[in-house]
Every structure is written in C-alpha cells, then in structure tokens.
Protein backbone atom coordinates (compact mmCIF):
# COMPACT_ATOMS: atom_id res chain seq x y z
CA UNK A 1 13.86 -21.50 -16.03
CA UNK A 2 14.56 -18.14 -16.57
CA UNK A 3 15.52 -16.33 -13.33
CA UNK A 4 14.80 -12.58 -12.11
CA UNK A 5 16.43 -10.72 -9.18
CA UNK A 6 13.25 -9.47 -6.76
CA UNK A 7 14.72 -6.33 -4.91
CA UNK A 8 12.19 -5.19 -2.17
CA UNK A 9 12.96 -3.89 1.22
CA UNK A 10 9.30 -4.72 2.02
CA UNK A 11 9.06 -8.80 2.37
CA UNK A 12 8.31 -11.06 4.85
CA UNK A 13 8.06 -10.90 8.28
CA UNK A 14 7.32 -6.81 6.85
CA UNK A 15 3.54 -6.73 7.10
CA UNK A 16 1.20 -4.65 5.99
CA UNK A 17 -0.17 -3.96 1.93
CA UNK A 18 2.91 -3.10 0.84
CA UNK A 19 4.73 -6.56 1.26
CA UNK A 20 1.62 -8.18 -0.52
CA UNK A 21 2.58 -7.35 -4.32
CA UNK A 22 5.78 -9.03 -4.03
CA UNK A 23 5.22 -11.28 -2.14
CA UNK A 24 2.45 -12.36 -4.54
CA UNK A 25 4.88 -11.95 -7.22
CA UNK A 26 7.03 -14.20 -6.20
CA UNK A 27 4.37 -17.17 -5.19
CA UNK A 28 3.13 -17.03 -8.85
CA UNK A 29 5.71 -15.80 -11.77
CA UNK A 30 7.30 -19.71 -11.72
CA UNK A 31 3.73 -20.62 -13.08
CA UNK A 32 5.22 -18.57 -15.84
CA UNK A 33 8.52 -19.27 -16.60
CA UNK A 34 10.18 -17.33 -14.25
CA UNK A 35 12.25 -18.14 -10.94
CA UNK A 36 12.26 -15.36 -8.36
CA UNK A 37 15.38 -14.88 -6.34
CA UNK A 38 14.64 -12.71 -3.76
CA UNK A 39 17.07 -9.81 -2.18
CA UNK A 40 15.46 -8.17 0.79
CA UNK A 41 17.02 -6.49 4.35
CA UNK A 42 17.72 -8.47 7.86
CA UNK A 43 15.97 -7.01 10.76
CA UNK A 44 14.63 -4.09 8.90
CA UNK A 45 12.73 -0.96 10.72
CA UNK A 46 9.23 -2.22 9.10
CA UNK A 47 5.91 0.13 10.13
CA UNK A 48 4.16 -3.64 11.56
CA UNK A 49 5.51 -7.01 11.29
CA UNK A 50 3.45 -10.07 10.16
CA UNK A 51 5.79 -13.24 11.25
CA UNK A 52 2.63 -15.36 9.93
CA UNK A 53 4.00 -14.26 6.16
CA UNK A 54 7.30 -16.09 6.40
CA UNK A 55 4.83 -19.23 5.89
CA UNK A 56 3.68 -17.83 2.74
CA UNK A 57 7.35 -17.90 0.76
CA UNK A 58 6.88 -21.02 -1.34
CA UNK A 59 9.63 -23.18 -0.29
CA UNK A 60 11.55 -23.28 -3.28
CA UNK A 61 12.62 -19.68 -3.64
CA UNK A 62 15.86 -18.35 -1.93
CA UNK A 63 15.79 -15.35 0.37
CA UNK A 64 19.32 -13.45 0.50
CA UNK A 65 18.71 -10.85 3.61
CA UNK A 66 21.60 -7.85 4.25
CA UNK A 67 22.19 -5.63 6.51
CA UNK A 68 21.07 -1.96 6.80
CA UNK A 69 21.85 0.94 8.03
CA UNK A 70 18.17 2.33 9.76
CA UNK A 71 18.20 5.80 10.95
CA UNK A 72 15.08 5.90 12.07
CA UNK A 73 15.80 4.26 15.41
CA UNK A 74 18.30 7.14 15.94
CA UNK A 75 15.42 9.16 15.02
CA UNK A 76 13.28 7.86 17.80
CA UNK A 77 16.15 7.99 20.37
CA UNK A 78 16.17 11.97 19.47
CA UNK A 79 12.68 13.23 19.42
CA UNK A 80 12.22 10.42 22.49
CA UNK A 81 9.47 8.52 20.62
CA UNK A 82 9.43 4.66 22.27
CA UNK A 83 11.19 2.18 20.37
CA UNK A 84 8.77 0.39 18.63
CA UNK A 85 6.44 3.09 17.72
CA UNK A 86 5.63 2.76 14.16
CA UNK A 87 7.55 5.39 11.94
CA UNK A 88 4.67 6.25 9.22
CA UNK A 89 1.60 6.71 12.02
CA UNK A 90 3.86 8.72 14.74
CA UNK A 91 7.32 9.59 14.07
CA UNK A 92 7.11 11.43 10.34
CA UNK A 93 5.16 14.94 11.85
CA UNK A 94 2.05 15.71 9.74
CA UNK A 95 2.37 19.66 8.57
CA UNK A 96 -0.56 20.67 11.11
CA UNK A 97 1.19 19.66 14.27
CA UNK A 98 3.86 21.81 16.11
CA UNK A 99 7.18 20.31 16.41
CA UNK A 100 9.65 20.22 18.41
CA UNK A 101 12.97 21.76 17.92
CA UNK A 102 14.51 18.14 17.88
CA UNK A 103 11.66 16.84 15.36
CA UNK A 104 12.30 20.39 13.07
CA UNK A 105 16.29 19.36 13.50
CA UNK A 106 15.88 15.77 12.62
CA UNK A 107 13.15 17.05 9.58
CA UNK A 108 15.72 18.83 8.08
CA UNK A 109 18.60 16.19 8.30
CA UNK A 110 16.27 13.69 6.62
CA UNK A 111 15.52 16.09 3.84
CA UNK A 112 19.09 17.13 3.37
CA UNK A 113 21.32 13.78 3.44
CA UNK A 114 19.00 10.72 3.52
CA UNK A 115 18.11 11.12 -0.38
CA UNK A 116 16.07 9.70 -2.14
CA UNK A 117 14.65 8.22 1.31
CA UNK A 118 16.10 7.24 5.09
CA UNK A 119 17.05 3.11 3.42
CA UNK A 120 19.84 4.69 1.53
CA UNK A 121 21.99 2.91 4.14
CA UNK A 122 20.79 -0.60 2.22
CA UNK A 123 22.98 0.52 -0.63
CA UNK A 124 26.13 -0.15 0.28
CA UNK A 125 25.04 -3.90 1.45
CA UNK A 126 22.51 -4.64 -1.26
CA UNK A 127 24.68 -4.00 -4.30
CA UNK A 128 27.42 -6.05 -3.39
CA UNK A 129 25.06 -9.09 -2.41
CA UNK A 130 23.48 -8.48 -5.59
CA UNK A 131 26.57 -8.70 -8.17
CA UNK A 132 27.47 -11.68 -6.27
CA UNK A 133 23.47 -13.43 -6.72
CA UNK A 134 23.72 -12.57 -10.17
CA UNK A 135 26.92 -14.09 -10.89
CA UNK A 136 26.20 -17.38 -8.71
CA UNK A 137 22.73 -17.63 -10.23
CA UNK A 138 22.67 -16.87 -13.55
CA UNK A 139 19.76 -14.06 -13.26
CA UNK A 140 18.26 -12.93 -16.50
CA UNK A 141 16.70 -9.99 -15.42
CA UNK A 142 16.07 -7.86 -12.45
CA UNK A 143 12.85 -6.29 -10.95
CA UNK A 144 12.92 -3.43 -8.28
CA UNK A 145 9.95 -2.90 -6.02
CA UNK A 146 10.03 0.96 -4.75
CA UNK A 147 9.19 2.64 -2.39
CA UNK A 148 11.46 2.74 -0.92
CA UNK A 149 13.14 4.30 -4.07
CA UNK A 150 16.39 3.31 -2.72
CA UNK A 151 15.74 -0.14 -4.35
CA UNK A 152 15.63 1.93 -8.03
CA UNK A 153 18.43 3.17 -7.15
CA UNK A 154 20.01 -0.09 -6.54
CA UNK A 155 18.06 -1.16 -9.47
CA UNK A 156 20.34 1.17 -11.80
CA UNK A 157 23.20 0.38 -10.38
CA UNK A 158 22.85 -3.55 -11.12
CA UNK A 159 21.71 -2.28 -14.72
CA UNK A 160 24.67 -0.33 -15.45
CA UNK A 161 27.04 -2.85 -14.17
CA UNK A 162 25.47 -6.17 -15.90
CA UNK A 163 23.50 -5.11 -18.43
CA UNK A 164 20.68 -6.85 -17.62
CA UNK A 165 16.86 -5.88 -18.54
CA UNK A 166 15.36 -3.82 -15.70
CA UNK A 167 11.91 -3.25 -14.78
CA UNK A 168 11.62 -0.51 -12.14
CA UNK A 169 8.50 -1.00 -9.81
CA UNK A 170 6.79 1.60 -8.20
CA UNK A 171 3.52 1.59 -5.42
CA UNK A 172 3.64 5.13 -5.15
CA UNK A 173 5.00 8.10 -6.75
CA UNK A 174 8.33 9.35 -6.17
CA UNK A 175 8.79 13.28 -5.75
CA UNK A 176 5.94 15.42 -4.52
CA UNK A 177 3.98 12.66 -3.21
CA UNK A 178 1.86 12.78 0.16
CA UNK A 179 4.79 11.28 2.26
CA UNK A 180 7.63 12.42 0.18
CA UNK A 181 9.75 15.52 2.46
CA UNK A 182 9.80 19.08 1.40
CA UNK A 183 13.28 19.40 0.90
CA UNK A 184 15.07 22.50 -0.01
CA UNK A 185 16.52 23.31 -3.44
CA UNK A 186 20.06 21.55 -3.37
CA UNK A 187 18.67 18.03 -1.97
CA UNK A 188 15.93 18.50 -4.23
CA UNK A 189 17.54 19.06 -7.30
CA UNK A 190 19.47 16.01 -6.34
CA UNK A 191 16.63 14.04 -5.73
CA UNK A 192 14.48 15.05 -8.91
CA UNK A 193 18.29 14.63 -11.11
CA UNK A 194 18.10 10.58 -9.30
CA UNK A 195 14.25 10.20 -10.37
CA UNK A 196 14.59 10.96 -13.72
CA UNK A 197 17.98 8.83 -13.96
CA UNK A 198 16.02 5.69 -13.37
CA UNK A 199 12.93 6.44 -15.83
CA UNK A 200 15.27 7.52 -17.96
CA UNK A 201 17.64 4.33 -17.75
CA UNK A 202 15.20 1.65 -16.57
CA UNK A 203 13.95 -0.94 -19.49
CA UNK A 204 9.99 -0.68 -18.19
CA UNK A 205 8.84 1.49 -15.59
CA UNK A 206 6.23 -0.36 -13.73
CA UNK A 207 3.40 1.42 -11.83
CA UNK A 208 0.51 -0.10 -9.42
CA UNK A 209 -2.01 2.80 -10.14
CA UNK A 210 -2.05 4.64 -13.51
CA UNK A 211 -2.01 8.35 -11.14
CA UNK A 212 1.52 7.01 -10.97
CA UNK A 213 2.22 6.58 -14.83
CA UNK A 214 0.81 9.88 -15.77
CA UNK A 215 2.80 10.96 -13.22
CA UNK A 216 6.56 10.18 -14.94
CA UNK A 217 4.67 10.85 -18.20
CA UNK A 218 4.39 14.72 -16.81
CA UNK A 219 7.36 15.46 -14.99
CA UNK A 220 9.09 13.79 -18.25
CA UNK A 221 7.52 14.74 -21.64
CA UNK A 222 10.56 14.33 -23.35
CA UNK A 223 11.24 10.10 -22.37
CA UNK A 224 9.56 7.20 -24.14
CA UNK A 225 5.87 7.07 -22.81
CA UNK A 226 5.57 3.81 -23.80
CA UNK A 227 8.05 2.43 -21.24
CA UNK A 228 6.02 3.36 -18.43
CA UNK A 229 3.05 0.33 -18.20
CA UNK A 230 0.19 0.16 -15.16
CA UNK A 231 0.14 -2.94 -13.33
CA UNK A 232 -2.35 -2.80 -11.28
CA UNK A 233 -2.52 -4.33 -7.30
CA UNK A 234 -5.16 -7.02 -6.38
CA UNK A 235 -5.95 -9.70 -4.76
CA UNK A 236 -5.05 -13.47 -4.24
CA UNK A 237 -8.36 -15.81 -4.21
CA UNK A 238 -6.38 -18.31 -2.64
CA UNK A 239 -6.23 -15.80 0.92
CA UNK A 240 -9.81 -16.21 1.42
CA UNK A 241 -11.61 -18.89 3.35
CA UNK A 242 -14.52 -20.63 2.43
CA UNK A 243 -17.24 -20.16 4.74
CA UNK A 244 -20.68 -20.25 4.71
CA UNK A 245 -22.79 -17.10 4.83
CA UNK A 246 -22.66 -15.36 8.58
CA UNK A 247 -25.29 -13.69 10.34
CA UNK A 248 -23.68 -11.08 12.60
CA UNK A 249 -25.49 -10.12 15.78
CA UNK A 250 -24.60 -6.77 14.66
CA UNK A 251 -24.30 -4.62 11.24
CA UNK A 252 -20.42 -4.59 11.10
CA UNK A 253 -18.68 -2.14 9.61
CA UNK A 254 -15.28 -3.20 9.02
CA UNK A 255 -11.51 -0.76 8.08
CA UNK A 256 -8.36 -2.41 8.03
CA UNK A 257 -5.04 -0.35 7.72
CA UNK A 258 -3.42 2.67 8.88
CA UNK A 259 -4.77 5.91 9.70
CA UNK A 260 -3.09 9.29 10.44
CA UNK A 261 -3.03 12.94 9.81
CA UNK A 262 -5.31 13.38 6.51
CA UNK A 263 -6.66 9.89 6.12
CA UNK A 264 -9.04 9.92 9.65
CA UNK A 265 -12.82 8.37 10.36
CA UNK A 266 -13.86 12.37 11.31
CA UNK A 267 -16.87 12.60 8.99
CA UNK A 268 -17.62 9.08 8.70
CA UNK A 269 -18.46 9.30 12.74
CA UNK A 270 -20.14 12.24 12.51
CA UNK A 271 -22.38 11.03 10.24
CA UNK A 272 -22.96 7.78 12.09
CA UNK A 273 -23.55 9.82 15.40
CA UNK A 274 -26.42 12.20 13.13
CA UNK A 275 -27.96 8.62 12.16
CA UNK A 276 -28.10 7.49 15.76
CA UNK A 277 -29.37 10.47 16.92
CA UNK A 278 -31.71 11.15 14.58
CA UNK A 279 -33.29 7.58 15.22
CA UNK A 280 -32.25 6.29 11.51
CA UNK A 281 -29.42 3.65 13.30
CA UNK A 282 -29.75 1.84 16.15
CA UNK A 283 -26.41 2.23 18.00
CA UNK A 284 -27.07 -1.35 19.83
CA UNK A 285 -27.40 -3.04 16.41
CA UNK A 286 -23.64 -2.05 14.70
CA UNK A 287 -20.21 -2.57 15.45
CA UNK A 288 -17.83 -0.27 14.06
CA UNK A 289 -14.75 -2.41 13.46
CA UNK A 290 -11.14 -0.30 13.21
CA UNK A 291 -8.37 -2.82 12.62
CA UNK A 292 -4.54 -1.40 12.50
CA UNK A 293 -2.09 1.08 13.22
CA UNK A 294 -3.52 4.75 14.03
CA UNK A 295 -1.98 8.22 14.92
CA UNK A 296 -2.88 9.26 18.17
CA UNK A 297 -5.16 12.24 16.88
CA UNK A 298 -7.27 9.02 15.04
CA UNK A 299 -7.32 7.03 18.43
CA UNK A 300 -8.47 10.09 20.29
CA UNK A 301 -11.29 10.92 17.61
CA UNK A 302 -12.63 7.61 18.08
CA UNK A 303 -12.15 7.61 22.14
CA UNK A 304 -14.35 10.91 21.98
CA UNK A 305 -17.22 9.81 19.78
CA UNK A 306 -20.77 9.53 21.08
CA UNK A 307 -20.95 6.19 20.18
CA UNK A 308 -18.03 4.80 21.45
CA UNK A 309 -20.22 1.54 22.87
CA UNK A 310 -20.53 0.53 19.43
CA UNK A 311 -16.94 1.21 18.40
CA UNK A 312 -13.78 -1.39 18.75
CA UNK A 313 -10.08 -0.50 18.10
CA UNK A 314 -7.65 -3.27 17.20
CA UNK A 315 -4.09 -3.20 16.54
CA UNK A 316 -2.59 -4.43 13.62
CA UNK A 317 -3.32 -8.45 13.19
CA UNK A 318 -1.79 -10.52 11.20
CA UNK A 319 -3.03 -10.98 7.31
CA UNK A 320 -5.27 -13.85 7.48
CA UNK A 321 -6.97 -12.86 10.17
CA UNK A 322 -7.36 -9.58 8.62
CA UNK A 323 -8.93 -11.10 5.46
CA UNK A 324 -11.42 -13.59 7.56
CA UNK A 325 -12.42 -10.23 9.45
CA UNK A 326 -13.30 -8.67 5.75
CA UNK A 327 -14.74 -11.63 4.82
CA UNK A 328 -17.44 -11.93 8.10
CA UNK A 329 -18.93 -7.99 7.57
CA UNK A 330 -21.52 -6.61 5.94
CA UNK A 331 -19.70 -3.35 5.32
CA UNK A 332 -16.30 -2.63 3.95
CA UNK A 333 -15.11 1.09 5.06
CA UNK A 334 -12.36 2.52 3.18
CA UNK A 335 -11.00 6.10 3.77
CA UNK A 336 -8.26 7.83 0.86
CA UNK A 337 -6.16 10.66 2.32
CA UNK A 338 -7.96 14.04 2.09
CA UNK A 339 -5.83 15.55 0.17
CA UNK A 340 -5.97 17.48 -3.90
CA UNK A 341 -2.95 14.96 -4.13
CA UNK A 342 -4.71 12.09 -3.70
CA UNK A 343 -7.42 11.92 -6.47
CA UNK A 344 -5.70 9.00 -8.34
CA UNK A 345 -4.54 7.27 -5.47
CA UNK A 346 -5.93 3.71 -5.14
CA UNK A 347 -4.30 1.73 -1.94
CA UNK A 348 -3.92 -1.60 -2.34
CA UNK A 349 -6.51 -2.36 -0.03
CA UNK A 350 -9.33 -1.72 -1.85
CA UNK A 351 -8.49 -4.84 -4.08
CA UNK A 352 -8.60 -6.94 -1.00
CA UNK A 353 -11.93 -5.31 0.09
CA UNK A 354 -12.89 -6.58 -3.64
CA UNK A 355 -11.62 -10.34 -3.02
CA UNK A 356 -14.03 -10.18 -0.15
CA UNK A 357 -17.32 -9.79 -2.32
CA UNK A 358 -18.77 -7.58 0.34
CA UNK A 359 -20.31 -4.05 -0.20
CA UNK A 360 -17.31 -1.11 -0.06
CA UNK A 361 -18.36 2.36 1.42
CA UNK A 362 -15.90 4.50 -0.14
CA UNK A 363 -15.01 8.04 1.14
CA UNK A 364 -12.84 9.52 -1.64
CA UNK A 365 -13.19 11.79 -4.48
CA UNK A 366 -16.07 11.10 -6.53
CA UNK A 367 -14.47 11.58 -9.52
CA UNK A 368 -11.17 9.68 -9.00
CA UNK A 369 -9.51 6.59 -9.30
CA UNK A 370 -11.35 4.71 -6.31
CA UNK A 371 -14.75 5.78 -7.56
CA UNK A 372 -13.66 4.61 -11.00
CA UNK A 373 -12.64 1.34 -9.66
CA UNK A 374 -15.82 1.12 -7.63
CA UNK A 375 -18.12 2.14 -10.43
CA UNK A 376 -16.50 -0.50 -12.77
CA UNK A 377 -16.76 -3.45 -10.45
CA UNK A 378 -19.92 -2.22 -8.96
CA UNK A 379 -18.63 -2.74 -5.56
CA UNK A 380 -20.55 -0.24 -3.32
CA UNK A 381 -21.15 3.06 -3.16
CA UNK A 382 -18.20 5.94 -2.85
CA UNK A 383 -19.15 9.67 -1.74
CA UNK A 384 -17.00 12.24 -1.08
CA UNK A 385 -15.54 12.80 2.42
CA UNK A 386 -16.61 15.50 3.62
CA UNK A 387 -20.35 14.78 2.18
CA UNK A 388 -22.10 14.05 5.40
CA UNK A 389 -25.65 13.47 3.83
CA UNK A 390 -24.35 11.25 0.98
CA UNK A 391 -22.08 9.19 3.48
CA UNK A 392 -25.21 8.92 5.67
CA UNK A 393 -27.46 7.88 2.69
CA UNK A 394 -24.85 5.16 1.80
CA UNK A 395 -24.62 3.90 5.25
CA UNK A 396 -28.22 3.66 6.16
CA UNK A 397 -28.71 1.57 2.59
CA UNK A 398 -26.49 -1.03 3.63
CA UNK A 399 -27.92 -0.82 7.42
CA UNK A 400 -31.04 -1.60 6.07
CA UNK A 401 -29.91 -4.57 3.55
CA UNK A 402 -28.71 -5.82 7.19
CA UNK A 403 -31.90 -5.89 8.40
CA UNK A 404 -34.09 -6.75 5.67
CA UNK A 405 -31.76 -9.86 4.26
CA UNK A 406 -31.35 -7.83 1.00
CA UNK A 407 -28.60 -6.86 -0.94
CA UNK A 408 -28.62 -3.79 -3.31
CA UNK A 409 -24.68 -3.92 -4.45
CA UNK A 410 -23.78 -6.76 -6.45
CA UNK A 411 -20.62 -6.86 -7.58
CA UNK A 412 -19.78 -7.78 -10.94
CA UNK A 413 -17.73 -10.85 -10.89
CA UNK A 414 -16.53 -10.80 -14.18
CA UNK A 415 -14.68 -7.28 -13.72
CA UNK A 416 -13.25 -8.18 -9.93
CA UNK A 417 -11.87 -11.29 -11.44
CA UNK A 418 -9.78 -9.03 -13.27
CA UNK A 419 -7.77 -8.07 -10.34
CA UNK A 420 -6.89 -11.46 -9.57
CA UNK A 421 -2.88 -11.82 -8.51
CA UNK A 422 -2.12 -14.45 -10.59
CA UNK A 423 -3.71 -12.48 -13.98
CA UNK A 424 -1.83 -9.40 -12.56
CA UNK A 425 1.45 -11.32 -12.29
CA UNK A 426 1.31 -12.98 -15.75
CA UNK A 427 1.32 -9.76 -17.00
CA UNK A 428 4.75 -9.09 -15.28
CA UNK A 429 6.05 -12.36 -16.99
CA UNK A 430 4.96 -11.12 -20.34
CA UNK A 431 6.84 -8.22 -19.86
CA UNK A 432 9.98 -10.04 -18.80
CA UNK A 433 9.47 -12.04 -21.76
CA UNK A 434 9.50 -9.25 -24.28
CA UNK A 435 12.52 -7.41 -22.59
CA UNK A 436 14.40 -10.73 -23.32
CA UNK A 437 13.43 -10.61 -26.81
CA UNK A 438 15.40 -7.69 -26.89
CA UNK A 439 18.81 -8.68 -25.84
C-alpha cells in the first residue's frame, strides 16, 4: 500500500470542526490504497480539546508528535488573560473593541514577526522529523492541512528537499481572511510571497470550500487554474447514533460551535423575543440550546435576553455528545459571520448538521454558498442575518411543524449523501493516485 505523510497541527486530542476533516481522511484513505502516517504536535495550544477523539484514530495509524514553541502562552501572560482561555474567542481582539496598550503591543508583535502565523515555532521541529519519517517509512506523497499556514511551509520545504508529490490542503483562505492579521507593508509583502510560493510550487491545492479556490485564482491569475481543486467538507454517518424518533418536551433549537465578534445570535434572539411578545410562540414550549465556546460579549447577549429561562448555554462538549444533541433536536441553528467577506464561507459544521437530517435555519447571505447548499439539499431555510421578519417566519414554520407533528422540510437524500466523508476521501485518494502517475 502506498504511504502519504499527513501534516496537520490540528489532530486529536485537538477538538473543534477543523480536526474532523483530517481525522476522517486518515480513517478512510486506507480503503482506497493509501496508508497515512501523521505528523502533528505535542501539547498543542488548541482552542478546544476533545480527548475522546483519540479513540477514533485507527489503531494501525502511526502518529508522530513533535515539540512546538507556542507564543500564545506568552500573549496570555502579557495581556493578563486566563491561562486556559481560548485564543480565538477571547485572546484575538475584535476590531470594534477597545484594546489595552499591552494588547496593541502584542498584536503588533504578532503582525510583524509571526509570519505566516503564530505556529511558525513548529517549523524547526517539524521539518527534521518529517524528513526522518520520509526516510524510515518510504513515503510516496505529502498532504498538508492549513490553517495554520505554517503547515504549508513545512510541506513546501519537504517538497523541495524530497521532490515528493505534495497536495497543499486549505480549510480557510490565507491572506485577507476574517481572522488574518492586518499587517503593515513589509510583513504583508513577506506573507504574500509565502502564499504565492506555496500556490506555485504545490502539485495540487485542495480547498475545503469553493471560495478558497476562487480566492487563489483571483490573486494569482497567472498560475495554473487547474491545480486548485475543491473537496468539500462532509459528515461521517458512522458518527450518528441509530436512535428511534424522539418527541421533545419542548421545541428544541440547537447551535453547536463557537461564537464571537461578528458571529453572534443578536438578531436571532431578538426575533424569538418578538415572537414570544406577540404571542406567536410560547416561551414555555421552546428550548434554545447553545453549545460550544463563546466570547464574553455573546455570553452577555444570552444572559440579558428577555427569554433567558428558555435558553441553555453549555461549554464545549465531546464530539460524540455534540452529534447526539444534533440528532435529538427539532431545528439546527447556523450563524455565519456577518461580514462582506463571508459570502462564500461554508463552515464545516454545516455538513454535520446535514448528517443529522434535521431542519436547518441558516442566518447567512441569501446569495452565498451556504444558502446554495441548503437549497441544493432541501435541508432547511436560509435567511439574511438582519432580516428579522424572515427569521421569524422560518422559526414559526418549524415551531408549528413541531406542535402539529408535521414536516414542511424534507432533505434530498441523494444530494446529502454526496457529502459523506468516505466519498470525499475517495476523491482525495484519486488526486494522490493522479500525482503518482506523473512521477
């Protein structure tokens, strides 16, 4: 069986949606003739940890873990953040928030020196280990998963040294993405050079959503447009418990994931509050469940809501528990970042929602990628985040379905099955096979 070295910062015990893509590739690639060997980090500074995912790594997969210098620990100390606070929801300040002098200083250091990102401290440890793996394991190809974009630089260095075929995978765009730092001229030029070099030298660039592919092609029109391919995220049916239909004592709406900054439930809560005030919805018959990691401002929104007794907020739960909660809900809530740049963003959890076969209410750009996916799969309703009347109408529709045991939303099974993780992994294996024929 051919071997592929998979380089990924996010791997169990890391939690969150980012780890699922690589974990499922690792699980299913052997079924298509490729044995993965994984290179990841020891004691990574992950936004979320899920020790239960360690049990999902196949027993025959070798996982190599190296040291890494993690500057966010220093950042927390300098900015007086709790040592266990999540980097994304608390430590990276939002544009609209006033930053302390130390936060501004730490931000300048990050923007100037940590190129392409704060995980660059993994590079000097990962490259020697990767070279050793290539020699000892007889590796036939390399696959890297970004972000962090440091993994792409590791892949670039391996590709140059070994000449092995390399697929550079991207779950998010690089420069100019929502979470990317606003660098000043010189570090921005360096970052752009690194991004362009990776795009030019990788044999293939694999993108988790079509907007990433278009972003690369727009930035580098002189490059080979055919080298960028779209492999969507997905869901694994094996993760979903086989359970009998459940009748909840309340109309249960569930959101799973993280929320902070421009991704928040303000208009959703306002919509439901208005419905309750108008008598269209009984607050005693609804349960709004928010599960995951939330910024302080989002917690405050929830706490001051007039329907607070109908809302439950839970911290991050294990992946299996998250899936169970999805399958036991009556409606799944999706909120996409409210930004001009978010039109083509397709969060990985959309596909886990699809796998639950429950109606989805997506607050997103109605002309964007998520709305198209919802329409393609007939899996719910997509409405603009600021369109309160449409949010209210979609909520009432699903609320009445619950009350009267009806269903006005029926997913298209044929379209939904296209996003099975196994099927997406088969396509990755085909790309690896194609690169082997070119050697």
